[in-house]
Amino acid sequence: MRPDASTDLSAFFQDEERVTRILQGAVRKALLEHKKLGHSVVVWQDGRVVELAPEQIPVDDDV
């Protein structure tokens, strides 16, 4: 590890918009993969845990 790696990581996490964009992309990719493979997902919805069937997963199929 480089001596300044922790500084680089700290700077990275200071850019909230970038971190949010990257996390949203990762979640979208995971949801698409589950949907295409026919796997359900579990989400928090209206104050409770809900299992969504693949056809209920709210994500566009365009990738």
PDB file of N, CA and C in Angstrom:
ATOM      1  N   MET A   1       0.843  -1.177   0.000  1.00  0.00           N
ATOM      2  CA  MET A   1       0.000   0.000   0.000  1.00  0.00           C
ATOM      3  C   MET A   1       0.890   1.242   0.000  1.00  0.00           C
ATOM      4  N   ARG A   2       0.525   2.191  -0.785  1.00  0.00           N
ATOM      5  CA  ARG A   2       1.287   3.441  -0.836  1.00  0.00           C
ATOM      6  C   ARG A   2       1.094   4.225   0.457  1.00  0.00           C
ATOM      7  N   PRO A   3       2.072   5.001   0.847  1.00  0.00           N
ATOM      8  CA  PRO A   3       1.949   5.780   2.083  1.00  0.00           C
ATOM      9  C   PRO A   3       0.773   6.751   2.064  1.00  0.00           C
ATOM     10  N   ASP A   4       0.412   7.267   0.903  1.00  0.00           N
ATOM     11  CA  ASP A   4      -0.672   8.253   0.825  1.00  0.00           C
ATOM     12  C   ASP A   4      -2.010   7.616   0.455  1.00  0.00           C
ATOM     13  N   ALA A   5      -2.107   6.301   0.500  1.00  0.00           N
ATOM     14  CA  ALA A   5      -3.345   5.626   0.094  1.00  0.00           C
ATOM     15  C   ALA A   5      -4.511   6.008   0.993  1.00  0.00           C
ATOM     16  N   SER A   6      -4.285   6.144   2.291  1.00  0.00           N
ATOM     17  CA  SER A   6      -5.383   6.509   3.187  1.00  0.00           C
ATOM     18  C   SER A   6      -5.888   7.911   2.879  1.00  0.00           C
ATOM     19  N   THR A   7      -4.995   8.800   2.501  1.00  0.00           N
ATOM     20  CA  THR A   7      -5.398  10.149   2.113  1.00  0.00           C
ATOM     21  C   THR A   7      -6.234  10.099   0.843  1.00  0.00           C
ATOM     22  N   ASP A   8      -5.818   9.286  -0.122  1.00  0.00           N
ATOM     23  CA  ASP A   8      -6.573   9.140  -1.360  1.00  0.00           C
ATOM     24  C   ASP A   8      -7.967   8.597  -1.075  1.00  0.00           C
ATOM     25  N   LEU A   9      -8.063   7.611  -0.201  1.00  0.00           N
ATOM     26  CA  LEU A   9      -9.348   7.014   0.139  1.00  0.00           C
ATOM     27  C   LEU A   9     -10.231   8.023   0.858  1.00  0.00           C
ATOM     28  N   SER A  10      -9.640   8.774   1.753  1.00  0.00           N
ATOM     29  CA  SER A  10     -10.380   9.806   2.467  1.00  0.00           C
ATOM     30  C   SER A  10     -10.927  10.844   1.489  1.00  0.00           C
ATOM     31  N   ALA A  11     -10.118  11.253   0.541  1.00  0.00           N
ATOM     32  CA  ALA A  11     -10.556  12.227  -0.464  1.00  0.00           C
ATOM     33  C   ALA A  11     -11.678  11.647  -1.315  1.00  0.00           C
ATOM     34  N   PHE A  12     -11.554  10.373  -1.655  1.00  0.00           N
ATOM     35  CA  PHE A  12     -12.593   9.716  -2.451  1.00  0.00           C
ATOM     36  C   PHE A  12     -13.941   9.786  -1.735  1.00  0.00           C
ATOM     37  N   PHE A  13     -13.961   9.457  -0.439  1.00  0.00           N
ATOM     38  CA  PHE A  13     -15.217   9.438   0.305  1.00  0.00           C
ATOM     39  C   PHE A  13     -15.749  10.838   0.597  1.00  0.00           C
ATOM     40  N   GLN A  14     -14.945  11.860   0.412  1.00  0.00           N
ATOM     41  CA  GLN A  14     -15.417  13.229   0.559  1.00  0.00           C
ATOM     42  C   GLN A  14     -16.313  13.640  -0.609  1.00  0.00           C
ATOM     43  N   ASP A  15     -16.156  12.981  -1.739  1.00  0.00           N
ATOM     44  CA  ASP A  15     -16.959  13.274  -2.931  1.00  0.00           C
ATOM     45  C   ASP A  15     -18.251  12.458  -2.862  1.00  0.00           C
ATOM     46  N   GLU A  16     -19.224  12.965  -2.109  1.00  0.00           N
ATOM     47  CA  GLU A  16     -20.462  12.231  -1.852  1.00  0.00           C
ATOM     48  C   GLU A  16     -21.230  11.898  -3.127  1.00  0.00           C
ATOM     49  N   GLU A  17     -21.248  12.807  -4.071  1.00  0.00           N
ATOM     50  CA  GLU A  17     -21.973  12.552  -5.319  1.00  0.00           C
ATOM     51  C   GLU A  17     -21.366  11.377  -6.076  1.00  0.00           C
ATOM     52  N   ARG A  18     -20.051  11.324  -6.114  1.00  0.00           N
ATOM     53  CA  ARG A  18     -19.369  10.227  -6.811  1.00  0.00           C
ATOM     54  C   ARG A  18     -19.641   8.889  -6.118  1.00  0.00           C
ATOM     55  N   VAL A  19     -19.530   8.873  -4.793  1.00  0.00           N
ATOM     56  CA  VAL A  19     -19.784   7.648  -4.036  1.00  0.00           C
ATOM     57  C   VAL A  19     -21.223   7.191  -4.249  1.00  0.00           C
ATOM     58  N   THR A  20     -22.168   8.114  -4.186  1.00  0.00           N
ATOM     59  CA  THR A  20     -23.579   7.778  -4.397  1.00  0.00           C
ATOM     60  C   THR A  20     -23.800   7.221  -5.791  1.00  0.00           C
ATOM     61  N   ARG A  21     -23.215   7.846  -6.792  1.00  0.00           N
ATOM     62  CA  ARG A  21     -23.355   7.393  -8.178  1.00  0.00           C
ATOM     63  C   ARG A  21     -22.798   5.974  -8.351  1.00  0.00           C
ATOM     64  N   ILE A  22     -21.647   5.707  -7.765  1.00  0.00           N
ATOM     65  CA  ILE A  22     -21.029   4.383  -7.872  1.00  0.00           C
ATOM     66  C   ILE A  22     -21.887   3.330  -7.163  1.00  0.00           C
ATOM     67  N   LEU A  23     -22.375   3.650  -5.971  1.00  0.00           N
ATOM     68  CA  LEU A  23     -23.217   2.701  -5.235  1.00  0.00           C
ATOM     69  C   LEU A  23     -24.533   2.440  -5.965  1.00  0.00           C
ATOM     70  N   GLN A  24     -25.139   3.475  -6.524  1.00  0.00           N
ATOM     71  CA  GLN A  24     -26.377   3.288  -7.278  1.00  0.00           C
ATOM     72  C   GLN A  24     -26.146   2.394  -8.488  1.00  0.00           C
ATOM     73  N   GLY A  25     -25.022   2.568  -9.158  1.00  0.00           N
ATOM     74  CA  GLY A  25     -24.689   1.717 -10.299  1.00  0.00           C
ATOM     75  C   GLY A  25     -24.513   0.266  -9.885  1.00  0.00           C
ATOM     76  N   ALA A  26     -23.869   0.046  -8.747  1.00  0.00           N
ATOM     77  CA  ALA A  26     -23.654  -1.318  -8.255  1.00  0.00           C
ATOM     78  C   ALA A  26     -24.975  -1.981  -7.874  1.00  0.00           C
ATOM     79  N   VAL A  27     -25.859  -1.230  -7.242  1.00  0.00           N
ATOM     80  CA  VAL A  27     -27.171  -1.771  -6.874  1.00  0.00           C
ATOM     81  C   VAL A  27     -27.965  -2.099  -8.131  1.00  0.00           C
ATOM     82  N   ARG A  28     -27.943  -1.204  -9.106  1.00  0.00           N
ATOM     83  CA  ARG A  28     -28.661  -1.444 -10.363  1.00  0.00           C
ATOM     84  C   ARG A  28     -28.149  -2.707 -11.050  1.00  0.00           C
ATOM     85  N   LYS A  29     -26.836  -2.867 -11.080  1.00  0.00           N
ATOM     86  CA  LYS A  29     -26.237  -4.051 -11.698  1.00  0.00           C
ATOM     87  C   LYS A  29     -26.683  -5.326 -10.973  1.00  0.00           C
ATOM     88  N   ALA A  30     -26.686  -5.297  -9.650  1.00  0.00           N
ATOM     89  CA  ALA A  30     -27.108  -6.466  -8.866  1.00  0.00           C
ATOM     90  C   ALA A  30     -28.583  -6.784  -9.102  1.00  0.00           C
ATOM     91  N   LEU A  31     -29.428  -5.747  -9.152  1.00  0.00           N
ATOM     92  CA  LEU A  31     -30.855  -5.974  -9.399  1.00  0.00           C
ATOM     93  C   LEU A  31     -31.091  -6.554 -10.790  1.00  0.00           C
ATOM     94  N   LEU A  32     -30.388  -6.025 -11.783  1.00  0.00           N
ATOM     95  CA  LEU A  32     -30.511  -6.558 -13.143  1.00  0.00           C
ATOM     96  C   LEU A  32     -30.095  -8.023 -13.207  1.00  0.00           C
ATOM     97  N   GLU A  33     -29.003  -8.343 -12.536  1.00  0.00           N
ATOM     98  CA  GLU A  33     -28.514  -9.724 -12.540  1.00  0.00           C
ATOM     99  C   GLU A  33     -29.534 -10.661 -11.893  1.00  0.00           C
ATOM    100  N   HIS A  34     -30.088 -10.254 -10.766  1.00  0.00           N
ATOM    101  CA  HIS A  34     -31.108 -11.074 -10.109  1.00  0.00           C
ATOM    102  C   HIS A  34     -32.326 -11.251 -11.008  1.00  0.00           C
ATOM    103  N   LYS A  35     -32.762 -10.170 -11.624  1.00  0.00           N
ATOM    104  CA  LYS A  35     -33.940 -10.219 -12.488  1.00  0.00           C
ATOM    105  C   LYS A  35     -33.703 -11.143 -13.681  1.00  0.00           C
ATOM    106  N   LYS A  36     -32.555 -11.011 -14.333  1.00  0.00           N
ATOM    107  CA  LYS A  36     -32.252 -11.830 -15.512  1.00  0.00           C
ATOM    108  C   LYS A  36     -32.086 -13.303 -15.168  1.00  0.00           C
ATOM    109  N   LEU A  37     -31.575 -13.599 -13.976  1.00  0.00           N
ATOM    110  CA  LEU A  37     -31.388 -14.989 -13.563  1.00  0.00           C
ATOM    111  C   LEU A  37     -32.653 -15.602 -12.958  1.00  0.00           C
ATOM    112  N   GLY A  38     -33.680 -14.764 -12.780  1.00  0.00           N
ATOM    113  CA  GLY A  38     -34.932 -15.266 -12.216  1.00  0.00           C
ATOM    114  C   GLY A  38     -34.897 -15.421 -10.706  1.00  0.00           C
ATOM    115  N   HIS A  39     -34.039 -14.642 -10.049  1.00  0.00           N
ATOM    116  CA  HIS A  39     -33.922 -14.705  -8.593  1.00  0.00           C
ATOM    117  C   HIS A  39     -34.694 -13.557  -7.959  1.00  0.00           C
ATOM    118  N   SER A  40     -35.334 -13.831  -6.852  1.00  0.00           N
ATOM    119  CA  SER A  40     -36.040 -12.778  -6.133  1.00  0.00           C
ATOM    120  C   SER A  40     -35.038 -11.953  -5.321  1.00  0.00           C
ATOM    121  N   VAL A  41     -35.493 -10.811  -4.844  1.00  0.00           N
ATOM    122  CA  VAL A  41     -34.693  -9.967  -3.953  1.00  0.00           C
ATOM    123  C   VAL A  41     -35.552  -9.595  -2.754  1.00  0.00           C
ATOM    124  N   VAL A  42     -34.898  -9.257  -1.674  1.00  0.00           N
ATOM    125  CA  VAL A  42     -35.598  -8.830  -0.467  1.00  0.00           C
ATOM    126  C   VAL A  42     -35.282  -7.356  -0.255  1.00  0.00           C
ATOM    127  N   VAL A  43     -36.338  -6.564  -0.024  1.00  0.00           N
ATOM    128  CA  VAL A  43     -36.183  -5.118   0.153  1.00  0.00           C
ATOM    129  C   VAL A  43     -36.963  -4.655   1.376  1.00  0.00           C
ATOM    130  N   TRP A  44     -36.653  -3.466   1.826  1.00  0.00           N
ATOM    131  CA  TRP A  44     -37.410  -2.819   2.887  1.00  0.00           C
ATOM    132  C   TRP A  44     -38.431  -1.920   2.206  1.00  0.00           C
ATOM    133  N   GLN A  45     -39.725  -2.164   2.463  1.00  0.00           N
ATOM    134  CA  GLN A  45     -40.778  -1.430   1.765  1.00  0.00           C
ATOM    135  C   GLN A  45     -41.928  -1.161   2.726  1.00  0.00           C
ATOM    136  N   ASP A  46     -42.323   0.083   2.839  1.00  0.00           N
ATOM    137  CA  ASP A  46     -43.432   0.474   3.709  1.00  0.00           C
ATOM    138  C   ASP A  46     -43.253  -0.020   5.143  1.00  0.00           C
ATOM    139  N   GLY A  47     -42.029   0.064   5.641  1.00  0.00           N
ATOM    140  CA  GLY A  47     -41.769  -0.291   7.027  1.00  0.00           C
ATOM    141  C   GLY A  47     -41.654  -1.768   7.318  1.00  0.00           C
ATOM    142  N   ARG A  48     -41.510  -2.581   6.287  1.00  0.00           N
ATOM    143  CA  ARG A  48     -41.366  -4.022   6.519  1.00  0.00           C
ATOM    144  C   ARG A  48     -40.521  -4.672   5.431  1.00  0.00           C
ATOM    145  N   VAL A  49     -40.082  -5.888   5.710  1.00  0.00           N
ATOM    146  CA  VAL A  49     -39.280  -6.645   4.759  1.00  0.00           C
ATOM    147  C   VAL A  49     -40.218  -7.329   3.772  1.00  0.00           C
ATOM    148  N   VAL A  50     -39.923  -7.162   2.474  1.00  0.00           N
ATOM    149  CA  VAL A  50     -40.776  -7.716   1.420  1.00  0.00           C
ATOM    150  C   VAL A  50     -39.899  -8.446   0.406  1.00  0.00           C
ATOM    151  N   GLU A  51     -40.330  -9.628  -0.017  1.00  0.00           N
ATOM    152  CA  GLU A  51     -39.631 -10.361  -1.071  1.00  0.00           C
ATOM    153  C   GLU A  51     -40.274 -10.008  -2.407  1.00  0.00           C
ATOM    154  N   LEU A  52     -39.452  -9.576  -3.361  1.00  0.00           N
ATOM    155  CA  LEU A  52     -39.942  -9.245  -4.693  1.00  0.00           C
ATOM    156  C   LEU A  52     -39.568 -10.360  -5.664  1.00  0.00           C
ATOM    157  N   ALA A  53     -40.554 -10.843  -6.394  1.00  0.00           N
ATOM    158  CA  ALA A  53     -40.300 -11.817  -7.450  1.00  0.00           C
ATOM    159  C   ALA A  53     -39.528 -11.111  -8.560  1.00  0.00           C
ATOM    160  N   PRO A  54     -38.808 -11.862  -9.383  1.00  0.00           N
ATOM    161  CA  PRO A  54     -38.002 -11.232 -10.441  1.00  0.00           C
ATOM    162  C   PRO A  54     -38.784 -10.241 -11.306  1.00  0.00           C
ATOM    163  N   GLU A  55     -40.017 -10.578 -11.647  1.00  0.00           N
ATOM    164  CA  GLU A  55     -40.806  -9.687 -12.502  1.00  0.00           C
ATOM    165  C   GLU A  55     -41.257  -8.417 -11.776  1.00  0.00           C
ATOM    166  N   GLN A  56     -41.118  -8.381 -10.458  1.00  0.00           N
ATOM    167  CA  GLN A  56     -41.488  -7.203  -9.668  1.00  0.00           C
ATOM    168  C   GLN A  56     -40.304  -6.276  -9.397  1.00  0.00           C
ATOM    169  N   ILE A  57     -39.109  -6.693  -9.758  1.00  0.00           N
ATOM    170  CA  ILE A  57     -37.918  -5.892  -9.472  1.00  0.00           C
ATOM    171  C   ILE A  57     -37.950  -4.629 -10.336  1.00  0.00           C
ATOM    172  N   PRO A  58     -37.969  -3.451  -9.692  1.00  0.00           N
ATOM    173  CA  PRO A  58     -38.106  -2.184 -10.421  1.00  0.00           C
ATOM    174  C   PRO A  58     -36.793  -1.673 -11.004  1.00  0.00           C
ATOM    175  N   VAL A  59     -36.390  -2.269 -12.125  1.00  0.00           N
ATOM    176  CA  VAL A  59     -35.159  -1.832 -12.777  1.00  0.00           C
ATOM    177  C   VAL A  59     -35.320  -2.028 -14.276  1.00  0.00           C
ATOM    178  N   ASP A  60     -34.784  -1.073 -15.051  1.00  0.00           N
ATOM    179  CA  ASP A  60     -34.844  -1.200 -16.507  1.00  0.00           C
ATOM    180  C   ASP A  60     -33.920  -2.316 -16.966  1.00  0.00           C
ATOM    181  N   ASP A  61     -34.314  -3.019 -18.005  1.00  0.00           N
ATOM    182  CA  ASP A  61     -33.528  -4.134 -18.518  1.00  0.00           C
ATOM    183  C   ASP A  61     -32.447  -3.712 -19.498  1.00  0.00           C
ATOM    184  N   ASP A  62     -32.317  -2.436 -19.788  1.00  0.00           N
ATOM    185  CA  ASP A  62     -31.349  -1.990 -20.793  1.00  0.00           C
ATOM    186  C   ASP A  62     -29.953  -1.824 -20.206  1.00  0.00           C
ATOM    187  N   VAL A  63     -29.055  -2.670 -20.647  1.00  0.00           N
ATOM    188  CA  VAL A  63     -27.646  -2.551 -20.247  1.00  0.00           C
ATOM    189  C   VAL A  63     -26.787  -2.991 -21.390  1.00  0.00           C
TER     190      VAL A  63
END
